Amino acid sequence: MKKVMFAGLSLLSVVVLMACGEEETKKTQAPEQSPKQQQQTPVQQIAVGKEAPDFTLQSMDGKEVKLSDYKGKKVYLKFWASWCGPCKKSMPELMELAAKPDRDFEILSVVAPGLQGEKTVEEFPKWFQEQGYKDIPVLYDTKGSTFQAYQIRSIPTEYLIDSQGKIGKIQFGAIRNADAEAAFKEMN
């Protein structure tokens, strides 16, 4: 008898919660939109072999940097954050790579100051210097639009871009230097 009552009350609770959820959804939904308003800009699918989305960002030293300025060069593009343990762990190896004078690719890194727990534009340079990081250009994505364009879901995420501006490799998590160098050797 107790089991039947418990099952009945459980079922009743679920029905009431579902009804409340539907009512709340109705309250928060936007009014009906015309078909023209419902159209959204299609998001470019990010994949190996596709054109890397161009961007214009400010560097930590105040310069404007465009990915398209690197056309004709290979680019190692790292998305990361100061609060990310795996990101910080990968930085010494990336500094070794950046210090190599004979590499045939450029290195750029992107952070999103003031977003998702990242330090502000004012705080970041001091923190960066305190870490002893050097030779790694940092670009500020203050609106998060570049993170969004590259569909960043976890960090670090690294893109290796060929000299024609096409994505040659996408690495979720830090890539080892040897793997990055090998991937670049296979790219034009």
C-alpha atoms as a PDB file:
ATOM      1  CA  MET A   1       0.000   0.000   0.000  1.00  0.00           C
ATOM      2  CA  LYS A   2       2.805   2.423   0.912  1.00  0.00           C
ATOM      3  CA  LYS A   3       4.583   1.641  -2.370  1.00  0.00           C
ATOM      4  CA  VAL A   4       1.435   2.404  -4.381  1.00  0.00           C
ATOM      5  CA  MET A   5       0.887   5.706  -2.529  1.00  0.00           C
ATOM      6  CA  PHE A   6       4.540   6.637  -2.996  1.00  0.00           C
ATOM      7  CA  ALA A   7       4.389   5.834  -6.712  1.00  0.00           C
ATOM      8  CA  GLY A   8       1.165   7.841  -7.048  1.00  0.00           C
ATOM      9  CA  LEU A   9       2.632  10.861  -5.261  1.00  0.00           C
ATOM     10  CA  SER A  10       5.821  10.622  -7.332  1.00  0.00           C
ATOM     11  CA  LEU A  11       3.823  10.563 -10.558  1.00  0.00           C
ATOM     12  CA  LEU A  12       1.677  13.477  -9.390  1.00  0.00           C
ATOM     13  CA  SER A  13       4.835  15.482  -8.518  1.00  0.00           C
ATOM     14  CA  VAL A  14       6.299  14.880 -11.961  1.00  0.00           C
ATOM     15  CA  VAL A  15       3.063  15.971 -13.676  1.00  0.00           C
ATOM     16  CA  VAL A  16       2.872  19.164 -11.567  1.00  0.00           C
ATOM     17  CA  LEU A  17       6.538  20.005 -12.248  1.00  0.00           C
ATOM     18  CA  MET A  18       6.079  19.443 -15.975  1.00  0.00           C
ATOM     19  CA  ALA A  19       3.038  21.693 -16.024  1.00  0.00           C
ATOM     20  CA  CYS A  20       4.904  24.409 -14.124  1.00  0.00           C
ATOM     21  CA  GLY A  21       7.832  24.122 -16.531  1.00  0.00           C
ATOM     22  CA  GLU A  22       5.531  24.469 -19.568  1.00  0.00           C
ATOM     23  CA  GLU A  23       3.854  27.517 -18.042  1.00  0.00           C
ATOM     24  CA  GLU A  24       7.227  29.113 -17.273  1.00  0.00           C
ATOM     25  CA  THR A  25       8.433  28.372 -20.818  1.00  0.00           C
ATOM     26  CA  LYS A  26       5.357  30.101 -22.238  1.00  0.00           C
ATOM     27  CA  LYS A  27       6.069  33.166 -20.089  1.00  0.00           C
ATOM     28  CA  THR A  28       9.713  33.440 -21.147  1.00  0.00           C
ATOM     29  CA  GLN A  29       9.328  32.697 -24.849  1.00  0.00           C
ATOM     30  CA  ALA A  30       9.518  35.606 -27.219  1.00  0.00           C
ATOM     31  CA  PRO A  31       6.360  36.521 -29.098  1.00  0.00           C
ATOM     32  CA  GLU A  32       5.827  34.898 -32.477  1.00  0.00           C
ATOM     33  CA  GLN A  33       8.307  36.153 -35.035  1.00  0.00           C
ATOM     34  CA  SER A  34       7.853  36.505 -38.722  1.00  0.00           C
ATOM     35  CA  PRO A  35       9.775  34.034 -40.932  1.00  0.00           C
ATOM     36  CA  LYS A  36      12.173  36.845 -41.863  1.00  0.00           C
ATOM     37  CA  GLN A  37      12.991  37.496 -38.174  1.00  0.00           C
ATOM     38  CA  GLN A  38      13.539  33.787 -37.519  1.00  0.00           C
ATOM     39  CA  GLN A  39      16.325  33.526 -40.098  1.00  0.00           C
ATOM     40  CA  GLN A  40      19.736  33.394 -38.496  1.00  0.00           C
ATOM     41  CA  THR A  41      23.132  33.944 -39.967  1.00  0.00           C
ATOM     42  CA  PRO A  42      24.574  30.504 -40.709  1.00  0.00           C
ATOM     43  CA  VAL A  43      27.592  29.600 -38.601  1.00  0.00           C
ATOM     44  CA  GLN A  44      30.635  28.562 -40.615  1.00  0.00           C
ATOM     45  CA  GLN A  45      31.485  24.954 -39.867  1.00  0.00           C
ATOM     46  CA  ILE A  46      35.008  24.737 -38.499  1.00  0.00           C
ATOM     47  CA  ALA A  47      36.887  21.749 -39.895  1.00  0.00           C
ATOM     48  CA  VAL A  48      40.244  20.681 -41.243  1.00  0.00           C
ATOM     49  CA  GLY A  49      40.541  21.842 -44.851  1.00  0.00           C
ATOM     50  CA  LYS A  50      38.176  24.792 -44.367  1.00  0.00           C
ATOM     51  CA  GLU A  51      39.202  28.439 -44.446  1.00  0.00           C
ATOM     52  CA  ALA A  52      40.255  29.681 -40.991  1.00  0.00           C
ATOM     53  CA  PRO A  53      37.943  32.514 -39.878  1.00  0.00           C
ATOM     54  CA  ASP A  54      39.691  35.862 -40.152  1.00  0.00           C
ATOM     55  CA  PHE A  55      39.814  38.152 -37.136  1.00  0.00           C
ATOM     56  CA  THR A  56      41.164  41.506 -36.062  1.00  0.00           C
ATOM     57  CA  LEU A  57      42.287  41.648 -32.432  1.00  0.00           C
ATOM     58  CA  GLN A  58      44.447  43.902 -30.303  1.00  0.00           C
ATOM     59  CA  SER A  59      47.745  42.485 -29.097  1.00  0.00           C
ATOM     60  CA  MET A  60      48.898  42.797 -25.510  1.00  0.00           C
ATOM     61  CA  ASP A  61      51.316  45.508 -26.664  1.00  0.00           C
ATOM     62  CA  GLY A  62      48.478  47.530 -28.243  1.00  0.00           C
ATOM     63  CA  LYS A  63      48.900  46.651 -31.930  1.00  0.00           C
ATOM     64  CA  GLU A  64      46.070  45.582 -34.219  1.00  0.00           C
ATOM     65  CA  VAL A  65      46.591  42.043 -35.531  1.00  0.00           C
ATOM     66  CA  LYS A  66      44.652  40.400 -38.361  1.00  0.00           C
ATOM     67  CA  LEU A  67      44.933  36.722 -39.187  1.00  0.00           C
ATOM     68  CA  SER A  68      44.741  37.667 -42.880  1.00  0.00           C
ATOM     69  CA  ASP A  69      48.005  39.619 -42.444  1.00  0.00           C
ATOM     70  CA  TYR A  70      49.685  36.211 -42.113  1.00  0.00           C
ATOM     71  CA  LYS A  71      48.476  34.918 -45.492  1.00  0.00           C
ATOM     72  CA  GLY A  72      51.400  33.102 -47.071  1.00  0.00           C
ATOM     73  CA  LYS A  73      52.659  32.002 -43.639  1.00  0.00           C
ATOM     74  CA  LYS A  74      51.700  29.065 -41.455  1.00  0.00           C
ATOM     75  CA  VAL A  75      50.141  29.974 -38.104  1.00  0.00           C
ATOM     76  CA  TYR A  76      49.966  28.147 -34.766  1.00  0.00           C
ATOM     77  CA  LEU A  77      46.864  29.610 -33.068  1.00  0.00           C
ATOM     78  CA  LYS A  78      46.322  28.773 -29.383  1.00  0.00           C
ATOM     79  CA  PHE A  79      43.121  29.589 -27.455  1.00  0.00           C
ATOM     80  CA  TRP A  80      43.718  29.544 -23.711  1.00  0.00           C
ATOM     81  CA  ALA A  81      43.046  31.210 -20.334  1.00  0.00           C
ATOM     82  CA  SER A  82      45.131  32.289 -17.345  1.00  0.00           C
ATOM     83  CA  TRP A  83      42.977  30.239 -14.944  1.00  0.00           C
ATOM     84  CA  CYS A  84      43.294  27.006 -16.973  1.00  0.00           C
ATOM     85  CA  GLY A  85      45.683  24.496 -15.380  1.00  0.00           C
ATOM     86  CA  PRO A  86      46.407  22.503 -18.573  1.00  0.00           C
ATOM     87  CA  CYS A  87      46.943  25.788 -20.441  1.00  0.00           C
ATOM     88  CA  LYS A  88      49.519  27.006 -17.929  1.00  0.00           C
ATOM     89  CA  LYS A  89      51.200  23.597 -17.899  1.00  0.00           C
ATOM     90  CA  SER A  90      51.601  23.754 -21.703  1.00  0.00           C
ATOM     91  CA  MET A  91      53.105  27.261 -21.807  1.00  0.00           C
ATOM     92  CA  PRO A  92      56.758  26.370 -21.042  1.00  0.00           C
ATOM     93  CA  GLU A  93      56.792  23.942 -23.981  1.00  0.00           C
ATOM     94  CA  LEU A  94      55.165  26.562 -26.219  1.00  0.00           C
ATOM     95  CA  MET A  95      57.833  29.076 -25.118  1.00  0.00           C
ATOM     96  CA  GLU A  96      60.520  26.599 -26.234  1.00  0.00           C
ATOM     97  CA  LEU A  97      58.839  26.372 -29.624  1.00  0.00           C
ATOM     98  CA  ALA A  98      58.477  30.157 -29.879  1.00  0.00           C
ATOM     99  CA  ALA A  99      62.182  30.631 -29.099  1.00  0.00           C
ATOM    100  CA  LYS A 100      63.274  28.426 -32.024  1.00  0.00           C
ATOM    101  CA  PRO A 101      64.760  30.722 -34.666  1.00  0.00           C
ATOM    102  CA  ASP A 102      64.349  28.253 -37.539  1.00  0.00           C
ATOM    103  CA  ARG A 103      60.615  27.551 -37.301  1.00  0.00           C
ATOM    104  CA  ASP A 104      58.586  28.172 -40.455  1.00  0.00           C
ATOM    105  CA  PHE A 105      55.371  29.290 -38.749  1.00  0.00           C
ATOM    106  CA  GLU A 106      54.104  32.141 -36.609  1.00  0.00           C
ATOM    107  CA  ILE A 107      52.663  31.649 -33.111  1.00  0.00           C
ATOM    108  CA  LEU A 108      49.647  33.576 -31.888  1.00  0.00           C
ATOM    109  CA  SER A 109      47.670  33.027 -28.713  1.00  0.00           C
ATOM    110  CA  VAL A 110      44.200  34.312 -27.889  1.00  0.00           C
ATOM    111  CA  VAL A 111      42.624  35.017 -24.488  1.00  0.00           C
ATOM    112  CA  ALA A 112      39.265  36.626 -23.675  1.00  0.00           C
ATOM    113  CA  PRO A 113      39.917  39.305 -21.030  1.00  0.00           C
ATOM    114  CA  GLY A 114      37.042  39.936 -18.658  1.00  0.00           C
ATOM    115  CA  LEU A 115      35.015  36.984 -19.995  1.00  0.00           C
ATOM    116  CA  GLN A 116      34.445  33.579 -18.408  1.00  0.00           C
ATOM    117  CA  GLY A 117      36.679  34.337 -15.416  1.00  0.00           C
ATOM    118  CA  GLU A 118      39.647  35.638 -17.408  1.00  0.00           C
ATOM    119  CA  LYS A 119      41.695  38.527 -16.042  1.00  0.00           C
ATOM    120  CA  THR A 120      40.935  41.992 -17.378  1.00  0.00           C
ATOM    121  CA  VAL A 121      42.980  43.774 -20.047  1.00  0.00           C
ATOM    122  CA  GLU A 122      44.549  45.799 -17.215  1.00  0.00           C
ATOM    123  CA  GLU A 123      45.397  42.749 -15.041  1.00  0.00           C
ATOM    124  CA  PHE A 124      46.564  40.313 -17.689  1.00  0.00           C
ATOM    125  CA  PRO A 125      49.976  41.818 -18.705  1.00  0.00           C
ATOM    126  CA  LYS A 126      51.241  41.922 -15.105  1.00  0.00           C
ATOM    127  CA  TRP A 127      50.110  38.342 -14.489  1.00  0.00           C
ATOM    128  CA  PHE A 128      51.660  37.212 -17.798  1.00  0.00           C
ATOM    129  CA  GLN A 129      54.998  38.801 -16.918  1.00  0.00           C
ATOM    130  CA  GLU A 130      54.941  37.310 -13.395  1.00  0.00           C
ATOM    131  CA  GLN A 131      54.586  33.855 -14.959  1.00  0.00           C
ATOM    132  CA  GLY A 132      57.808  34.403 -16.901  1.00  0.00           C
ATOM    133  CA  TYR A 133      56.069  33.868 -20.240  1.00  0.00           C
ATOM    134  CA  LYS A 134      57.811  35.475 -23.190  1.00  0.00           C
ATOM    135  CA  ASP A 135      58.097  35.204 -26.958  1.00  0.00           C
ATOM    136  CA  ILE A 136      54.396  34.313 -27.184  1.00  0.00           C
ATOM    137  CA  PRO A 137      52.202  37.018 -28.719  1.00  0.00           C
ATOM    138  CA  VAL A 138      48.907  37.382 -26.859  1.00  0.00           C
ATOM    139  CA  LEU A 139      45.798  38.740 -28.577  1.00  0.00           C
ATOM    140  CA  TYR A 140      42.769  40.047 -26.698  1.00  0.00           C
ATOM    141  CA  ASP A 141      39.341  38.792 -27.764  1.00  0.00           C
ATOM    142  CA  THR A 142      37.414  41.177 -25.500  1.00  0.00           C
ATOM    143  CA  LYS A 143      34.032  40.380 -27.059  1.00  0.00           C
ATOM    144  CA  GLY A 144      34.555  36.624 -27.331  1.00  0.00           C
ATOM    145  CA  SER A 145      33.763  36.774 -31.054  1.00  0.00           C
ATOM    146  CA  THR A 146      36.926  34.959 -32.141  1.00  0.00           C
ATOM    147  CA  PHE A 147      36.385  32.223 -29.536  1.00  0.00           C
ATOM    148  CA  GLN A 148      32.868  31.933 -30.955  1.00  0.00           C
ATOM    149  CA  ALA A 149      33.982  31.956 -34.605  1.00  0.00           C
ATOM    150  CA  TYR A 150      36.421  29.117 -33.887  1.00  0.00           C
ATOM    151  CA  GLN A 151      33.725  27.302 -31.880  1.00  0.00           C
ATOM    152  CA  ILE A 152      35.941  26.939 -28.811  1.00  0.00           C
ATOM    153  CA  ARG A 153      34.286  24.572 -26.330  1.00  0.00           C
ATOM    154  CA  SER A 154      37.303  23.692 -24.204  1.00  0.00           C
ATOM    155  CA  ILE A 155      40.717  25.132 -23.606  1.00  0.00           C
ATOM    156  CA  PRO A 156      43.403  24.876 -24.572  1.00  0.00           C
ATOM    157  CA  THR A 157      42.394  24.381 -28.180  1.00  0.00           C
ATOM    158  CA  GLU A 158      44.971  24.869 -30.891  1.00  0.00           C
ATOM    159  CA  TYR A 159      44.589  25.394 -34.623  1.00  0.00           C
ATOM    160  CA  LEU A 160      47.427  24.841 -37.058  1.00  0.00           C
ATOM    161  CA  ILE A 161      46.747  26.899 -40.176  1.00  0.00           C
ATOM    162  CA  ASP A 162      48.534  26.424 -43.499  1.00  0.00           C
ATOM    163  CA  SER A 163      50.030  29.184 -45.634  1.00  0.00           C
ATOM    164  CA  GLN A 164      46.826  29.453 -47.696  1.00  0.00           C
ATOM    165  CA  GLY A 165      44.790  30.214 -44.558  1.00  0.00           C
ATOM    166  CA  LYS A 166      43.165  26.771 -44.345  1.00  0.00           C
ATOM    167  CA  ILE A 167      42.914  24.771 -41.143  1.00  0.00           C
ATOM    168  CA  GLY A 168      45.438  21.932 -41.255  1.00  0.00           C
ATOM    169  CA  LYS A 169      44.925  20.517 -37.757  1.00  0.00           C
ATOM    170  CA  ILE A 170      42.661  21.092 -34.769  1.00  0.00           C
ATOM    171  CA  GLN A 171      43.989  19.992 -31.387  1.00  0.00           C
ATOM    172  CA  PHE A 172      41.702  19.833 -28.354  1.00  0.00           C
ATOM    173  CA  GLY A 173      44.087  20.090 -25.422  1.00  0.00           C
ATOM    174  CA  ALA A 174      47.733  21.053 -25.690  1.00  0.00           C
ATOM    175  CA  ILE A 175      49.719  19.732 -28.616  1.00  0.00           C
ATOM    176  CA  ARG A 176      53.292  18.606 -28.092  1.00  0.00           C
ATOM    177  CA  ASN A 177      55.926  20.602 -29.953  1.00  0.00           C
ATOM    178  CA  ALA A 178      57.111  17.576 -31.925  1.00  0.00           C
ATOM    179  CA  ASP A 179      53.542  16.877 -33.080  1.00  0.00           C
ATOM    180  CA  ALA A 180      52.986  20.514 -34.076  1.00  0.00           C
ATOM    181  CA  GLU A 181      56.251  20.636 -36.015  1.00  0.00           C
ATOM    182  CA  ALA A 182      55.457  17.352 -37.784  1.00  0.00           C
ATOM    183  CA  ALA A 183      51.989  18.613 -38.724  1.00  0.00           C
ATOM    184  CA  PHE A 184      53.426  21.866 -40.115  1.00  0.00           C
ATOM    185  CA  LYS A 185      55.974  19.941 -42.208  1.00  0.00           C
ATOM    186  CA  GLU A 186      53.074  18.196 -43.967  1.00  0.00           C
ATOM    187  CA  MET A 187      51.349  21.508 -44.753  1.00  0.00           C
ATOM    188  CA  ASN A 188      52.083  23.864 -47.608  1.00  0.00           C
END
